[in-house]
C-alpha cells in the first residue's frame, strides 16, 4: 500500500490508531511478532549496564 493510499483511507496524518478488520478485530500476525522481537532486541542491545531488562 502506498503512502498516498494510506493517507486517502486514514487522513493526512496516516495511521494514528489501531485499524480493525471486518470482524472488528485487529490482526496480530507473525510479521507483528517479528517486529516486536526486533524492537526488543534493539532496545536491549543499547541499554546501559545494570539497567533492568523489560519484556512484553
N, C-alpha and C. Protein backbone atom coordinates (compact mmCIF):
# COMPACT_ATOMS: atom_id res chain seq x y z
N UNK A 1 0.85 -1.16 0.00
CA UNK A 1 0.00 0.00 0.00
C UNK A 1 0.90 1.23 0.00
N UNK A 2 0.61 2.16 -0.84
CA UNK A 2 1.43 3.36 -0.94
C UNK A 2 1.05 4.37 0.15
N UNK A 3 1.93 5.33 0.38
CA UNK A 3 1.66 6.37 1.38
C UNK A 3 0.42 7.16 1.00
N UNK A 4 0.23 7.46 -0.28
CA UNK A 4 -0.95 8.21 -0.69
C UNK A 4 -2.24 7.42 -0.44
N UNK A 5 -2.19 6.09 -0.64
CA UNK A 5 -3.36 5.25 -0.33
C UNK A 5 -3.65 5.24 1.16
N UNK A 6 -2.60 5.14 1.96
CA UNK A 6 -2.78 5.16 3.42
C UNK A 6 -3.40 6.47 3.85
N UNK A 7 -2.89 7.58 3.33
CA UNK A 7 -3.43 8.90 3.69
C UNK A 7 -4.86 9.07 3.20
N UNK A 8 -5.16 8.54 2.02
CA UNK A 8 -6.52 8.66 1.50
C UNK A 8 -7.52 7.89 2.36
N UNK A 9 -7.12 6.75 2.90
CA UNK A 9 -8.02 5.95 3.74
C UNK A 9 -8.04 6.38 5.20
N UNK A 10 -6.94 7.00 5.69
CA UNK A 10 -6.82 7.30 7.13
C UNK A 10 -6.61 8.76 7.45
N UNK A 11 -6.61 9.63 6.46
CA UNK A 11 -6.40 11.05 6.70
C UNK A 11 -4.95 11.45 6.50
N UNK A 12 -4.67 12.76 6.54
CA UNK A 12 -3.32 13.26 6.23
C UNK A 12 -2.23 12.80 7.19
N UNK A 13 -2.58 12.46 8.43
CA UNK A 13 -1.58 12.01 9.40
C UNK A 13 -1.25 10.53 9.22
N UNK A 14 -2.00 9.84 8.38
CA UNK A 14 -1.77 8.41 8.20
C UNK A 14 -2.44 7.61 9.30
N UNK A 15 -1.89 6.45 9.59
CA UNK A 15 -2.46 5.57 10.61
C UNK A 15 -2.01 6.07 11.98
N UNK A 16 -2.97 6.51 12.79
CA UNK A 16 -2.65 7.03 14.11
C UNK A 16 -3.36 6.26 15.22
N UNK A 17 -4.11 5.22 14.84
CA UNK A 17 -4.79 4.39 15.82
C UNK A 17 -4.89 2.98 15.25
N UNK A 18 -5.32 2.06 16.07
CA UNK A 18 -5.43 0.66 15.69
C UNK A 18 -6.49 0.52 14.60
N UNK A 19 -6.16 -0.12 13.50
CA UNK A 19 -7.09 -0.31 12.40
C UNK A 19 -7.70 -1.71 12.50
N UNK A 20 -9.01 -1.77 12.62
CA UNK A 20 -9.70 -3.05 12.73
C UNK A 20 -10.03 -3.65 11.38
N UNK A 21 -10.37 -4.92 11.37
CA UNK A 21 -10.76 -5.62 10.16
C UNK A 21 -12.26 -5.83 10.17
N UNK A 22 -12.79 -6.59 9.21
CA UNK A 22 -14.24 -6.73 9.06
C UNK A 22 -14.94 -7.30 10.28
N UNK A 23 -14.27 -8.08 11.09
CA UNK A 23 -14.89 -8.64 12.30
C UNK A 23 -14.60 -7.80 13.54
N UNK A 24 -14.18 -6.54 13.33
CA UNK A 24 -13.86 -5.60 14.41
C UNK A 24 -12.70 -6.03 15.28
N UNK A 25 -11.88 -6.92 14.76
CA UNK A 25 -10.67 -7.35 15.46
C UNK A 25 -9.47 -6.91 14.66
N UNK A 26 -8.38 -6.68 15.33
CA UNK A 26 -7.15 -6.39 14.63
C UNK A 26 -6.46 -7.69 14.28
N UNK A 27 -5.40 -7.58 13.55
CA UNK A 27 -4.70 -8.79 13.15
C UNK A 27 -3.30 -8.77 13.76
N UNK A 28 -2.97 -9.80 14.49
CA UNK A 28 -1.65 -9.96 15.10
C UNK A 28 -0.99 -11.13 14.40
N UNK A 29 -0.12 -10.83 13.45
CA UNK A 29 0.46 -11.88 12.60
C UNK A 29 1.89 -12.20 13.02
N UNK A 30 2.49 -13.14 12.32
CA UNK A 30 3.88 -13.47 12.58
C UNK A 30 4.78 -12.27 12.26
N UNK A 31 4.37 -11.43 11.29
CA UNK A 31 5.14 -10.21 11.00
C UNK A 31 5.12 -9.26 12.19
N UNK A 32 3.96 -9.15 12.82
CA UNK A 32 3.84 -8.31 14.01
C UNK A 32 4.76 -8.82 15.11
N UNK A 33 4.77 -10.12 15.31
CA UNK A 33 5.62 -10.71 16.34
C UNK A 33 7.10 -10.46 16.05
N UNK A 34 7.50 -10.57 14.79
CA UNK A 34 8.90 -10.33 14.43
C UNK A 34 9.30 -8.88 14.69
N UNK A 35 8.43 -7.93 14.35
CA UNK A 35 8.72 -6.52 14.60
C UNK A 35 8.91 -6.28 16.10
N UNK A 36 8.02 -6.85 16.93
CA UNK A 36 8.16 -6.67 18.38
C UNK A 36 9.44 -7.30 18.89
N UNK A 37 9.80 -8.47 18.38
CA UNK A 37 11.02 -9.14 18.78
C UNK A 37 12.25 -8.30 18.41
N UNK A 38 12.27 -7.78 17.18
CA UNK A 38 13.40 -6.96 16.73
C UNK A 38 13.50 -5.68 17.54
N UNK A 39 12.36 -5.05 17.82
CA UNK A 39 12.36 -3.82 18.63
C UNK A 39 12.91 -4.10 20.02
N UNK A 40 12.50 -5.21 20.63
CA UNK A 40 13.00 -5.57 21.96
C UNK A 40 14.50 -5.85 21.91
N UNK A 41 14.96 -6.54 20.87
CA UNK A 41 16.39 -6.83 20.74
C UNK A 41 17.20 -5.55 20.58
N UNK A 42 16.72 -4.62 19.79
CA UNK A 42 17.42 -3.36 19.60
C UNK A 42 17.46 -2.56 20.90
N UNK A 43 16.35 -2.55 21.60
CA UNK A 43 16.29 -1.82 22.88
C UNK A 43 17.26 -2.44 23.88
N UNK A 44 17.30 -3.77 23.93
CA UNK A 44 18.18 -4.48 24.86
C UNK A 44 19.64 -4.27 24.49
N UNK A 45 19.93 -4.23 23.21
CA UNK A 45 21.31 -4.05 22.73
C UNK A 45 21.91 -2.74 23.25
N UNK A 46 21.10 -1.70 23.32
CA UNK A 46 21.62 -0.39 23.69
C UNK A 46 21.33 0.04 25.12
N UNK A 47 20.87 -0.89 25.96
CA UNK A 47 20.62 -0.50 27.35
C UNK A 47 21.93 -0.37 28.12
N UNK A 48 21.88 0.40 29.15
CA UNK A 48 23.07 0.63 29.97
C UNK A 48 23.32 -0.55 30.90
N UNK A 49 24.58 -0.81 31.26
CA UNK A 49 24.88 -1.90 32.20
C UNK A 49 24.13 -1.68 33.52
N UNK A 50 23.57 -2.72 34.05
CA UNK A 50 22.84 -2.63 35.30
C UNK A 50 21.38 -2.24 35.15
N UNK A 51 20.98 -1.83 33.95
CA UNK A 51 19.60 -1.44 33.72
C UNK A 51 18.76 -2.71 33.58
N UNK A 52 17.58 -2.70 34.19
CA UNK A 52 16.72 -3.89 34.18
C UNK A 52 16.23 -4.21 32.78
N UNK A 53 16.08 -5.51 32.52
CA UNK A 53 15.50 -5.97 31.25
C UNK A 53 14.00 -5.71 31.27
N UNK A 54 13.42 -5.55 30.10
CA UNK A 54 11.97 -5.48 30.01
C UNK A 54 11.52 -6.38 28.88
N UNK A 55 10.46 -7.09 29.12
CA UNK A 55 9.88 -7.96 28.10
C UNK A 55 8.40 -7.65 28.00
N UNK A 56 7.83 -7.85 26.84
CA UNK A 56 6.41 -7.56 26.63
C UNK A 56 5.58 -8.74 27.00
